[in-house]
Amino acid sequence: MDYRSIFVNSWFLKNWKFILIALAAIVIGNLTRHVTNKIYARRERAQKYKNKILMSDGDEYEGTELNTKNALNDIKSPQEDTRDIKYVPALKVENHVPFSGAQVTLPAGAKQFYELVNNRRSVRSYTSKRIPPLQVIEDCIRAAGTSPSGAHTEPWTFCVVSDNNMKLRIRDIIELEEKINYAQRMNRQWTTDLTPLRTNHIKPYLTDAPYLILVFKQIYGYLPNGDRKQHYYNEISVAIATGILLCALQAAGLNSLVTTPLNCGTALRILLDRPENEKLLVLLPVGYAAEDCAVPDLKRKELEDIMSKY
């Protein structure tokens, strides 16, 4: 067999240019299709992102898709929407009741309230000799429960800890994590910014303060039939409630401190036997400042630095 003759007369050899062009076209086509698919996928992700409401706690839920010309006309009113058996409001549909609202402006009341909250300081040193009545703590939390919330879901749980053994277990969990936080997790700038406040991983106030109030946000709730109930803007709602709680504690003559135990939420939730739909937002030691308590000589921003008029 004359292999040289076969090679010279080979169809592939005679048409190698066309074969090369065809292979190049296939490669370019596949590459173009790959790039085009990536572009379309990116656009689709961007569109989905635009149609989502991003919750401050990282949760997100999809809103109405606005990708048609008549999308706005397609949206039903709340009254029409509730006729669909798929969508039933979490709250019972009832007639609204009359509300007279504010009638008289009380400038002195605003000034007194400012003076009250302006005296509030973050206290890290507590006496264990004086214990406020539990009723006062309950009244303060009752006031916090009046906070507005997304769709009136009231997504908060306030856990009051007064048992010394439980406080010690909480302190052990937090100090263990805080030691790692200060040594590894928190960057150099963060720990540097905390230097004037003289904070570290040792937290004696967790056992010295008569009460610890752990504020949990409920990511979702449950309907009477067991289905999940969406809690809209749960972190913002609980943050507002916490602000009211701080003011109530101050009005009651008590001291407090806002702490956010980093990387401790799950362990504390399990310790207190809280359900999985709850996440720790803040922890507040509450009580009376120790006789030798000292706080940083901090100054608050002036009104013109925090308000703009239009």
C-alpha atoms as a PDB file:
ATOM      1  CA  MET A   1       0.000   0.000   0.000  1.00  0.00           C
ATOM      2  CA  ASP A   2       1.410   3.371  -1.047  1.00  0.00           C
ATOM      3  CA  TYR A   3       0.803   5.496   2.046  1.00  0.00           C
ATOM      4  CA  ARG A   4       2.453   8.493   0.407  1.00  0.00           C
ATOM      5  CA  SER A   5      -0.039   8.363  -2.445  1.00  0.00           C
ATOM      6  CA  ILE A   6      -2.917   8.058  -0.027  1.00  0.00           C
ATOM      7  CA  PHE A   7      -1.627  10.997   1.980  1.00  0.00           C
ATOM      8  CA  VAL A   8      -1.146  13.204  -1.099  1.00  0.00           C
ATOM      9  CA  ASN A   9      -4.577  12.374  -2.471  1.00  0.00           C
ATOM     10  CA  SER A  10      -6.261  12.643   0.940  1.00  0.00           C
ATOM     11  CA  TRP A  11      -9.538  14.548   0.998  1.00  0.00           C
ATOM     12  CA  PHE A  12      -8.581  16.168   4.299  1.00  0.00           C
ATOM     13  CA  LEU A  13      -5.303  17.374   2.839  1.00  0.00           C
ATOM     14  CA  LYS A  14      -6.967  18.798  -0.244  1.00  0.00           C
ATOM     15  CA  ASN A  15      -9.620  20.589   1.828  1.00  0.00           C
ATOM     16  CA  TRP A  16      -7.627  21.479   4.923  1.00  0.00           C
ATOM     17  CA  LYS A  17      -8.261  25.201   4.487  1.00  0.00           C
ATOM     18  CA  PHE A  18     -12.025  24.706   4.464  1.00  0.00           C
ATOM     19  CA  ILE A  19     -11.820  22.305   7.387  1.00  0.00           C
ATOM     20  CA  LEU A  20      -9.738  24.818   9.344  1.00  0.00           C
ATOM     21  CA  ILE A  21     -12.227  27.591   8.569  1.00  0.00           C
ATOM     22  CA  ALA A  22     -15.126  25.356   9.667  1.00  0.00           C
ATOM     23  CA  LEU A  23     -13.393  24.445  12.925  1.00  0.00           C
ATOM     24  CA  ALA A  24     -12.613  28.106  13.583  1.00  0.00           C
ATOM     25  CA  ALA A  25     -16.246  28.997  12.916  1.00  0.00           C
ATOM     26  CA  ILE A  26     -17.404  26.329  15.374  1.00  0.00           C
ATOM     27  CA  VAL A  27     -15.014  27.573  18.066  1.00  0.00           C
ATOM     28  CA  ILE A  28     -16.015  31.209  17.508  1.00  0.00           C
ATOM     29  CA  GLY A  29     -19.702  30.237  17.530  1.00  0.00           C
ATOM     30  CA  ASN A  30     -19.388  28.352  20.800  1.00  0.00           C
ATOM     31  CA  LEU A  31     -17.414  31.190  22.340  1.00  0.00           C
ATOM     32  CA  THR A  32     -19.993  33.757  21.188  1.00  0.00           C
ATOM     33  CA  ARG A  33     -22.837  31.651  22.539  1.00  0.00           C
ATOM     34  CA  HIS A  34     -21.048  31.275  25.878  1.00  0.00           C
ATOM     35  CA  VAL A  35     -20.449  35.020  26.178  1.00  0.00           C
ATOM     36  CA  THR A  36     -24.026  35.812  25.113  1.00  0.00           C
ATOM     37  CA  ASN A  37     -25.449  33.392  27.682  1.00  0.00           C
ATOM     38  CA  LYS A  38     -23.337  34.992  30.398  1.00  0.00           C
ATOM     39  CA  ILE A  39     -24.550  38.459  29.400  1.00  0.00           C
ATOM     40  CA  TYR A  40     -28.194  37.362  29.432  1.00  0.00           C
ATOM     41  CA  ALA A  41     -27.716  35.578  32.760  1.00  0.00           C
ATOM     42  CA  ARG A  42     -26.135  38.684  34.238  1.00  0.00           C
ATOM     43  CA  ARG A  43     -28.993  40.858  32.968  1.00  0.00           C
ATOM     44  CA  GLU A  44     -31.517  38.418  34.383  1.00  0.00           C
ATOM     45  CA  ARG A  45     -29.817  38.472  37.777  1.00  0.00           C
ATOM     46  CA  ALA A  46     -29.729  42.265  37.684  1.00  0.00           C
ATOM     47  CA  GLN A  47     -33.440  42.389  36.856  1.00  0.00           C
ATOM     48  CA  LYS A  48     -34.268  40.016  39.690  1.00  0.00           C
ATOM     49  CA  TYR A  49     -32.142  42.112  42.010  1.00  0.00           C
ATOM     50  CA  LYS A  50     -34.083  45.243  41.054  1.00  0.00           C
ATOM     51  CA  ASN A  51     -37.349  43.470  41.783  1.00  0.00           C
ATOM     52  CA  LYS A  52     -36.311  42.414  45.269  1.00  0.00           C
ATOM     53  CA  ILE A  53     -36.606  44.274  48.523  1.00  0.00           C
ATOM     54  CA  LEU A  54     -33.385  43.756  50.424  1.00  0.00           C
ATOM     55  CA  MET A  55     -33.957  43.458  54.137  1.00  0.00           C
ATOM     56  CA  SER A  56     -31.447  45.036  56.458  1.00  0.00           C
ATOM     57  CA  ASP A  57     -30.762  41.684  58.075  1.00  0.00           C
ATOM     58  CA  GLY A  58     -29.800  40.070  54.784  1.00  0.00           C
ATOM     59  CA  ASP A  59     -33.118  38.365  54.152  1.00  0.00           C
ATOM     60  CA  GLU A  60     -34.914  39.197  50.970  1.00  0.00           C
ATOM     61  CA  TYR A  61     -38.288  38.543  49.478  1.00  0.00           C
ATOM     62  CA  GLU A  62     -39.497  39.032  45.940  1.00  0.00           C
ATOM     63  CA  GLY A  63     -41.837  41.862  45.140  1.00  0.00           C
ATOM     64  CA  THR A  64     -44.081  42.349  42.126  1.00  0.00           C
ATOM     65  CA  GLU A  65     -42.313  41.684  38.822  1.00  0.00           C
ATOM     66  CA  LEU A  66     -42.412  44.900  36.812  1.00  0.00           C
ATOM     67  CA  ASN A  67     -41.230  43.575  33.457  1.00  0.00           C
ATOM     68  CA  THR A  68     -44.216  44.317  31.205  1.00  0.00           C
ATOM     69  CA  LYS A  69     -45.488  47.566  29.773  1.00  0.00           C
ATOM     70  CA  ASN A  70     -48.788  47.303  31.602  1.00  0.00           C
ATOM     71  CA  ALA A  71     -47.370  45.889  34.817  1.00  0.00           C
ATOM     72  CA  LEU A  72     -48.651  48.760  36.930  1.00  0.00           C
ATOM     73  CA  ASN A  73     -52.138  48.297  35.528  1.00  0.00           C
ATOM     74  CA  ASP A  74     -51.979  44.595  36.346  1.00  0.00           C
ATOM     75  CA  ILE A  75     -51.373  45.177  40.052  1.00  0.00           C
ATOM     76  CA  LYS A  76     -54.515  44.639  42.084  1.00  0.00           C
ATOM     77  CA  SER A  77     -55.578  46.791  44.985  1.00  0.00           C
ATOM     78  CA  PRO A  78     -55.276  45.230  48.451  1.00  0.00           C
ATOM     79  CA  GLN A  79     -59.054  44.830  48.559  1.00  0.00           C
ATOM     80  CA  GLU A  80     -59.075  42.931  45.257  1.00  0.00           C
ATOM     81  CA  ASP A  81     -55.992  40.918  46.157  1.00  0.00           C
ATOM     82  CA  THR A  82     -57.491  39.506  49.351  1.00  0.00           C
ATOM     83  CA  ARG A  83     -60.337  37.972  47.359  1.00  0.00           C
ATOM     84  CA  ASP A  84     -57.841  35.461  45.983  1.00  0.00           C
ATOM     85  CA  ILE A  85     -57.877  32.472  48.305  1.00  0.00           C
ATOM     86  CA  LYS A  86     -54.086  32.173  47.924  1.00  0.00           C
ATOM     87  CA  TYR A  87     -53.543  35.520  49.637  1.00  0.00           C
ATOM     88  CA  VAL A  88     -55.058  36.002  53.069  1.00  0.00           C
ATOM     89  CA  PRO A  89     -53.872  38.875  55.295  1.00  0.00           C
ATOM     90  CA  ALA A  90     -52.105  37.877  58.489  1.00  0.00           C
ATOM     91  CA  LEU A  91     -54.211  40.397  60.412  1.00  0.00           C
ATOM     92  CA  LYS A  92     -57.951  40.032  60.778  1.00  0.00           C
ATOM     93  CA  VAL A  93     -59.799  42.381  58.420  1.00  0.00           C
ATOM     94  CA  GLU A  94     -61.836  44.738  60.601  1.00  0.00           C
ATOM     95  CA  ASN A  95     -63.230  48.243  60.368  1.00  0.00           C
ATOM     96  CA  HIS A  96     -60.865  51.004  61.436  1.00  0.00           C
ATOM     97  CA  VAL A  97     -61.731  52.888  64.614  1.00  0.00           C
ATOM     98  CA  PRO A  98     -61.778  56.678  65.054  1.00  0.00           C
ATOM     99  CA  PHE A  99     -58.613  58.300  66.377  1.00  0.00           C
ATOM    100  CA  SER A 100     -58.549  61.909  67.527  1.00  0.00           C
ATOM    101  CA  GLY A 101     -54.778  62.254  67.281  1.00  0.00           C
ATOM    102  CA  ALA A 102     -52.611  65.005  68.696  1.00  0.00           C
ATOM    103  CA  GLN A 103     -54.446  68.251  69.382  1.00  0.00           C
ATOM    104  CA  VAL A 104     -52.036  70.449  71.327  1.00  0.00           C
ATOM    105  CA  THR A 105     -48.309  70.949  70.833  1.00  0.00           C
ATOM    106  CA  LEU A 106     -46.296  70.589  74.043  1.00  0.00           C
ATOM    107  CA  PRO A 107     -42.899  72.258  73.524  1.00  0.00           C
ATOM    108  CA  ALA A 108     -42.009  71.771  77.181  1.00  0.00           C
ATOM    109  CA  GLY A 109     -42.638  68.051  76.844  1.00  0.00           C
ATOM    110  CA  ALA A 110     -40.156  67.778  73.964  1.00  0.00           C
ATOM    111  CA  LYS A 111     -37.538  69.694  75.938  1.00  0.00           C
ATOM    112  CA  GLN A 112     -38.043  67.557  79.040  1.00  0.00           C
ATOM    113  CA  PHE A 113     -37.754  64.399  76.978  1.00  0.00           C
ATOM    114  CA  TYR A 114     -34.510  65.624  75.418  1.00  0.00           C
ATOM    115  CA  GLU A 115     -33.058  66.401  78.838  1.00  0.00           C
ATOM    116  CA  LEU A 116     -34.071  62.947  80.032  1.00  0.00           C
ATOM    117  CA  VAL A 117     -32.476  61.000  77.174  1.00  0.00           C
ATOM    118  CA  ASN A 118     -29.462  63.323  76.973  1.00  0.00           C
ATOM    119  CA  ASN A 119     -28.475  62.104  80.438  1.00  0.00           C
ATOM    120  CA  ARG A 120     -28.401  58.508  79.237  1.00  0.00           C
ATOM    121  CA  ARG A 121     -24.919  56.981  79.128  1.00  0.00           C
ATOM    122  CA  SER A 122     -23.582  53.556  78.239  1.00  0.00           C
ATOM    123  CA  VAL A 123     -22.751  52.029  81.626  1.00  0.00           C
ATOM    124  CA  ARG A 124     -20.290  49.130  81.894  1.00  0.00           C
ATOM    125  CA  SER A 125     -19.953  49.056  85.688  1.00  0.00           C
ATOM    126  CA  TYR A 126     -22.947  48.001  87.816  1.00  0.00           C
ATOM    127  CA  THR A 127     -23.643  47.425  91.469  1.00  0.00           C
ATOM    128  CA  SER A 128     -25.102  44.071  92.420  1.00  0.00           C
ATOM    129  CA  LYS A 129     -26.326  45.380  95.780  1.00  0.00           C
ATOM    130  CA  ARG A 130     -29.400  47.177  94.429  1.00  0.00           C
ATOM    131  CA  ILE A 131     -31.973  45.279  92.393  1.00  0.00           C
ATOM    132  CA  PRO A 132     -34.786  47.126  90.585  1.00  0.00           C
ATOM    133  CA  PRO A 133     -38.278  45.638  90.972  1.00  0.00           C
ATOM    134  CA  LEU A 134     -39.104  43.205  88.179  1.00  0.00           C
ATOM    135  CA  GLN A 135     -42.367  45.097  87.664  1.00  0.00           C
ATOM    136  CA  VAL A 136     -40.381  48.128  86.493  1.00  0.00           C
ATOM    137  CA  ILE A 137     -38.532  46.009  83.923  1.00  0.00           C
ATOM    138  CA  GLU A 138     -41.834  44.574  82.728  1.00  0.00           C
ATOM    139  CA  ASP A 139     -43.337  48.048  82.344  1.00  0.00           C
ATOM    140  CA  CYS A 140     -40.335  49.159  80.287  1.00  0.00           C
ATOM    141  CA  ILE A 141     -40.687  46.146  77.995  1.00  0.00           C
ATOM    142  CA  ARG A 142     -44.421  46.774  77.772  1.00  0.00           C
ATOM    143  CA  ALA A 143     -43.562  50.261  76.502  1.00  0.00           C
ATOM    144  CA  ALA A 144     -41.135  48.779  73.957  1.00  0.00           C
ATOM    145  CA  GLY A 145     -43.953  46.563  72.736  1.00  0.00           C
ATOM    146  CA  THR A 146     -45.868  49.658  71.577  1.00  0.00           C
ATOM    147  CA  SER A 147     -43.298  50.169  68.822  1.00  0.00           C
ATOM    148  CA  PRO A 148     -44.489  50.312  65.210  1.00  0.00           C
ATOM    149  CA  SER A 149     -43.609  47.321  63.050  1.00  0.00           C
ATOM    150  CA  GLY A 150     -43.887  46.235  59.428  1.00  0.00           C
ATOM    151  CA  ALA A 151     -47.510  45.174  58.765  1.00  0.00           C
ATOM    152  CA  HIS A 152     -47.984  45.126  62.568  1.00  0.00           C
ATOM    153  CA  THR A 153     -46.139  41.812  62.826  1.00  0.00           C
ATOM    154  CA  GLU A 154     -44.490  42.791  66.152  1.00  0.00           C
ATOM    155  CA  PRO A 155     -41.406  40.646  65.416  1.00  0.00           C
ATOM    156  CA  TRP A 156     -39.689  40.892  68.804  1.00  0.00           C
ATOM    157  CA  THR A 157     -38.987  38.746  71.829  1.00  0.00           C
ATOM    158  CA  PHE A 158     -37.498  40.184  75.038  1.00  0.00           C
ATOM    159  CA  CYS A 159     -35.785  37.633  77.282  1.00  0.00           C
ATOM    160  CA  VAL A 160     -35.179  38.861  80.848  1.00  0.00           C
ATOM    161  CA  VAL A 161     -32.425  37.014  82.717  1.00  0.00           C
ATOM    162  CA  SER A 162     -31.977  37.511  86.468  1.00  0.00           C
ATOM    163  CA  ASP A 163     -30.762  34.048  87.505  1.00  0.00           C
ATOM    164  CA  ASN A 164     -27.100  34.284  88.512  1.00  0.00           C
ATOM    165  CA  ASN A 165     -26.156  30.890  87.106  1.00  0.00           C
ATOM    166  CA  MET A 166     -27.724  31.724  83.750  1.00  0.00           C
ATOM    167  CA  LYS A 167     -25.955  35.091  83.673  1.00  0.00           C
ATOM    168  CA  LEU A 168     -22.657  33.329  84.342  1.00  0.00           C
ATOM    169  CA  ARG A 169     -23.241  30.909  81.471  1.00  0.00           C
ATOM    170  CA  ILE A 170     -24.067  33.828  79.188  1.00  0.00           C
ATOM    171  CA  ARG A 171     -20.895  35.599  80.266  1.00  0.00           C
ATOM    172  CA  ASP A 172     -18.785  32.492  79.615  1.00  0.00           C
ATOM    173  CA  ILE A 173     -20.154  32.185  76.069  1.00  0.00           C
ATOM    174  CA  ILE A 174     -19.630  35.849  75.257  1.00  0.00           C
ATOM    175  CA  GLU A 175     -16.164  36.215  76.770  1.00  0.00           C
ATOM    176  CA  LEU A 176     -14.910  33.126  74.954  1.00  0.00           C
ATOM    177  CA  GLU A 177     -16.052  34.507  71.599  1.00  0.00           C
ATOM    178  CA  GLU A 178     -14.975  38.059  72.394  1.00  0.00           C
ATOM    179  CA  LYS A 179     -11.447  36.878  73.144  1.00  0.00           C
ATOM    180  CA  ILE A 180     -11.304  35.453  69.620  1.00  0.00           C
ATOM    181  CA  ASN A 181     -13.006  38.548  68.210  1.00  0.00           C
ATOM    182  CA  TYR A 182     -10.445  40.947  69.658  1.00  0.00           C
ATOM    183  CA  ALA A 183      -7.511  38.715  68.724  1.00  0.00           C
ATOM    184  CA  GLN A 184      -8.530  37.627  65.224  1.00  0.00           C
ATOM    185  CA  ARG A 185     -11.928  38.613  63.826  1.00  0.00           C
ATOM    186  CA  MET A 186     -11.910  42.359  64.485  1.00  0.00           C
ATOM    187  CA  ASN A 187      -9.505  44.268  62.265  1.00  0.00           C
ATOM    188  CA  ARG A 188      -6.842  46.629  63.600  1.00  0.00           C
ATOM    189  CA  GLN A 189      -8.843  49.775  62.862  1.00  0.00           C
ATOM    190  CA  TRP A 190     -11.864  48.417  64.731  1.00  0.00           C
ATOM    191  CA  THR A 191      -9.922  47.635  67.898  1.00  0.00           C
ATOM    192  CA  THR A 192      -8.106  50.969  67.599  1.00  0.00           C
ATOM    193  CA  ASP A 193     -11.426  52.842  67.457  1.00  0.00           C
ATOM    194  CA  LEU A 194     -12.496  51.068  70.655  1.00  0.00           C
ATOM    195  CA  THR A 195      -9.368  52.132  72.557  1.00  0.00           C
ATOM    196  CA  PRO A 196     -10.870  55.394  73.955  1.00  0.00           C
ATOM    197  CA  LEU A 197     -13.797  53.365  75.323  1.00  0.00           C
ATOM    198  CA  ARG A 198     -11.405  50.972  77.123  1.00  0.00           C
ATOM    199  CA  THR A 199     -13.326  47.870  76.122  1.00  0.00           C
ATOM    200  CA  ASN A 200     -11.917  44.358  75.938  1.00  0.00           C
ATOM    201  CA  HIS A 201     -13.135  40.768  75.995  1.00  0.00           C
ATOM    202  CA  ILE A 202     -13.735  40.772  79.767  1.00  0.00           C
ATOM    203  CA  LYS A 203     -17.402  41.624  80.497  1.00  0.00           C
ATOM    204  CA  PRO A 204     -18.031  41.826  84.277  1.00  0.00           C
ATOM    205  CA  TYR A 205     -21.289  43.703  83.734  1.00  0.00           C
ATOM    206  CA  LEU A 206     -22.841  40.486  82.415  1.00  0.00           C
ATOM    207  CA  THR A 207     -22.849  39.062  85.942  1.00  0.00           C
ATOM    208  CA  ASP A 208     -22.860  42.287  87.989  1.00  0.00           C
ATOM    209  CA  ALA A 209     -25.990  43.815  86.437  1.00  0.00           C
ATOM    210  CA  PRO A 210     -29.199  42.586  88.126  1.00  0.00           C
ATOM    211  CA  TYR A 211     -30.867  41.972  84.774  1.00  0.00           C
ATOM    212  CA  LEU A 212     -29.860  41.071  81.245  1.00  0.00           C
ATOM    213  CA  ILE A 213     -32.398  41.753  78.516  1.00  0.00           C
ATOM    214  CA  LEU A 214     -31.705  39.814  75.328  1.00  0.00           C
ATOM    215  CA  VAL A 215     -33.656  41.222  72.395  1.00  0.00           C
ATOM    216  CA  PHE A 216     -34.408  38.743  69.614  1.00  0.00           C
ATOM    217  CA  LYS A 217     -35.790  39.576  66.184  1.00  0.00           C
ATOM    218  CA  GLN A 218     -38.261  37.094  64.725  1.00  0.00           C
ATOM    219  CA  ILE A 219     -37.305  36.528  61.087  1.00  0.00           C
ATOM    220  CA  TYR A 220     -40.736  35.053  60.464  1.00  0.00           C
ATOM    221  CA  GLY A 221     -43.755  33.996  62.490  1.00  0.00           C
ATOM    222  CA  TYR A 222     -46.529  31.446  62.197  1.00  0.00           C
ATOM    223  CA  LEU A 223     -50.171  31.702  61.218  1.00  0.00           C
ATOM    224  CA  PRO A 224     -52.851  29.860  63.221  1.00  0.00           C
ATOM    225  CA  ASN A 225     -52.808  27.087  60.594  1.00  0.00           C
ATOM    226  CA  GLY A 226     -49.065  26.592  61.038  1.00  0.00           C
ATOM    227  CA  ASP A 227     -47.974  28.321  57.830  1.00  0.00           C
ATOM    228  CA  ARG A 228     -45.110  30.773  57.976  1.00  0.00           C
ATOM    229  CA  LYS A 229     -45.920  34.462  58.307  1.00  0.00           C
ATOM    230  CA  GLN A 230     -43.553  36.960  56.688  1.00  0.00           C
ATOM    231  CA  HIS A 231     -42.139  39.542  59.097  1.00  0.00           C
ATOM    232  CA  TYR A 232     -41.413  42.603  56.995  1.00  0.00           C
ATOM    233  CA  TYR A 233     -38.510  44.856  57.985  1.00  0.00           C
ATOM    234  CA  ASN A 234     -38.064  42.798  61.142  1.00  0.00           C
ATOM    235  CA  GLU A 235     -34.652  44.202  62.054  1.00  0.00           C
ATOM    236  CA  ILE A 236     -35.746  47.823  61.634  1.00  0.00           C
ATOM    237  CA  SER A 237     -38.900  47.142  63.659  1.00  0.00           C
ATOM    238  CA  VAL A 238     -36.970  45.530  66.517  1.00  0.00           C
ATOM    239  CA  ALA A 239     -34.360  48.294  66.439  1.00  0.00           C
ATOM    240  CA  ILE A 240     -37.103  50.904  66.925  1.00  0.00           C
ATOM    241  CA  ALA A 241     -38.559  48.866  69.799  1.00  0.00           C
ATOM    242  CA  THR A 242     -35.108  48.686  71.380  1.00  0.00           C
ATOM    243  CA  GLY A 243     -34.801  52.466  71.164  1.00  0.00           C
ATOM    244  CA  ILE A 244     -38.105  52.846  72.996  1.00  0.00           C
ATOM    245  CA  LEU A 245     -36.901  50.330  75.593  1.00  0.00           C
ATOM    246  CA  LEU A 246     -33.741  52.370  76.205  1.00  0.00           C
ATOM    247  CA  CYS A 247     -35.831  55.502  76.724  1.00  0.00           C
ATOM    248  CA  ALA A 248     -38.206  53.677  79.077  1.00  0.00           C
ATOM    249  CA  LEU A 249     -35.303  52.355  81.156  1.00  0.00           C
ATOM    250  CA  GLN A 250     -33.856  55.852  81.361  1.00  0.00           C
ATOM    251  CA  ALA A 251     -37.232  57.263  82.399  1.00  0.00           C
ATOM    252  CA  ALA A 252     -37.411  54.602  85.130  1.00  0.00           C
ATOM    253  CA  GLY A 253     -34.086  55.773  86.555  1.00  0.00           C
ATOM    254  CA  LEU A 254     -32.143  52.730  85.379  1.00  0.00           C
ATOM    255  CA  ASN A 255     -28.846  52.447  83.536  1.00  0.00           C
ATOM    256  CA  SER A 256     -28.190  50.225  80.554  1.00  0.00           C
ATOM    257  CA  LEU A 257     -25.726  49.360  77.824  1.00  0.00           C
ATOM    258  CA  VAL A 258     -26.294  48.300  74.226  1.00  0.00           C
ATOM    259  CA  THR A 259     -24.106  45.307  73.361  1.00  0.00           C
ATOM    260  CA  THR A 260     -24.015  43.227  70.194  1.00  0.00           C
ATOM    261  CA  PRO A 261     -22.298  39.923  71.060  1.00  0.00           C
ATOM    262  CA  LEU A 262     -20.415  38.989  67.893  1.00  0.00           C
ATOM    263  CA  ASN A 263     -20.666  35.324  66.861  1.00  0.00           C
ATOM    264  CA  CYS A 264     -22.662  34.465  70.009  1.00  0.00           C
ATOM    265  CA  GLY A 265     -26.220  34.598  68.715  1.00  0.00           C
ATOM    266  CA  THR A 266     -26.725  30.914  67.986  1.00  0.00           C
ATOM    267  CA  ALA A 267     -25.172  29.715  71.253  1.00  0.00           C
ATOM    268  CA  LEU A 268     -27.257  32.158  73.297  1.00  0.00           C
ATOM    269  CA  ARG A 269     -30.419  31.250  71.400  1.00  0.00           C
ATOM    270  CA  ILE A 270     -29.846  27.566  72.157  1.00  0.00           C
ATOM    271  CA  LEU A 271     -28.988  28.322  75.796  1.00  0.00           C
ATOM    272  CA  LEU A 272     -32.292  30.158  76.254  1.00  0.00           C
ATOM    273  CA  ASP A 273     -34.169  27.522  74.244  1.00  0.00           C
ATOM    274  CA  ARG A 274     -35.432  30.033  71.713  1.00  0.00           C
ATOM    275  CA  PRO A 275     -36.863  28.826  68.353  1.00  0.00           C
ATOM    276  CA  GLU A 276     -34.884  28.918  65.107  1.00  0.00           C
ATOM    277  CA  ASN A 277     -36.907  31.809  63.685  1.00  0.00           C
ATOM    278  CA  GLU A 278     -35.406  34.117  66.315  1.00  0.00           C
ATOM    279  CA  LYS A 279     -32.002  35.783  66.014  1.00  0.00           C
ATOM    280  CA  LEU A 280     -30.278  37.801  68.723  1.00  0.00           C
ATOM    281  CA  LEU A 281     -30.118  41.508  67.893  1.00  0.00           C
ATOM    282  CA  VAL A 282     -28.804  43.138  71.078  1.00  0.00           C
ATOM    283  CA  LEU A 283     -28.146  42.362  74.741  1.00  0.00           C
ATOM    284  CA  LEU A 284     -28.794  44.996  77.411  1.00  0.00           C
ATOM    285  CA  PRO A 285     -27.383  44.824  80.943  1.00  0.00           C
ATOM    286  CA  VAL A 286     -29.788  46.779  83.168  1.00  0.00           C
ATOM    287  CA  GLY A 287     -29.453  48.080  86.710  1.00  0.00           C
ATOM    288  CA  TYR A 288     -27.787  50.841  88.725  1.00  0.00           C
ATOM    289  CA  ALA A 289     -24.320  52.198  88.053  1.00  0.00           C
ATOM    290  CA  ALA A 290     -21.644  51.234  90.575  1.00  0.00           C
ATOM    291  CA  GLU A 291     -20.405  53.918  92.970  1.00  0.00           C
ATOM    292  CA  ASP A 292     -17.012  53.990  91.261  1.00  0.00           C
ATOM    293  CA  CYS A 293     -18.494  53.950  87.744  1.00  0.00           C
ATOM    294  CA  ALA A 294     -16.709  56.150  85.198  1.00  0.00           C
ATOM    295  CA  VAL A 295     -17.687  56.827  81.588  1.00  0.00           C
ATOM    296  CA  PRO A 296     -15.850  58.458  78.668  1.00  0.00           C
ATOM    297  CA  ASP A 297     -16.246  62.228  78.452  1.00  0.00           C
ATOM    298  CA  LEU A 298     -17.977  62.075  75.087  1.00  0.00           C
ATOM    299  CA  LYS A 299     -19.715  64.951  73.320  1.00  0.00           C
ATOM    300  CA  ARG A 300     -22.758  64.529  71.112  1.00  0.00           C
ATOM    301  CA  LYS A 301     -23.146  66.183  67.722  1.00  0.00           C
ATOM    302  CA  GLU A 302     -24.908  69.537  67.602  1.00  0.00           C
ATOM    303  CA  LEU A 303     -28.352  69.819  66.036  1.00  0.00           C
ATOM    304  CA  GLU A 304     -27.027  71.497  62.890  1.00  0.00           C
ATOM    305  CA  ASP A 305     -24.712  68.529  62.353  1.00  0.00           C
ATOM    306  CA  ILE A 306     -27.508  65.954  62.325  1.00  0.00           C
ATOM    307  CA  MET A 307     -30.436  67.826  60.742  1.00  0.00           C
ATOM    308  CA  SER A 308     -30.990  69.406  57.331  1.00  0.00           C
ATOM    309  CA  LYS A 309     -33.925  71.705  56.613  1.00  0.00           C
ATOM    310  CA  TYR A 310     -35.659  71.941  53.227  1.00  0.00           C
END
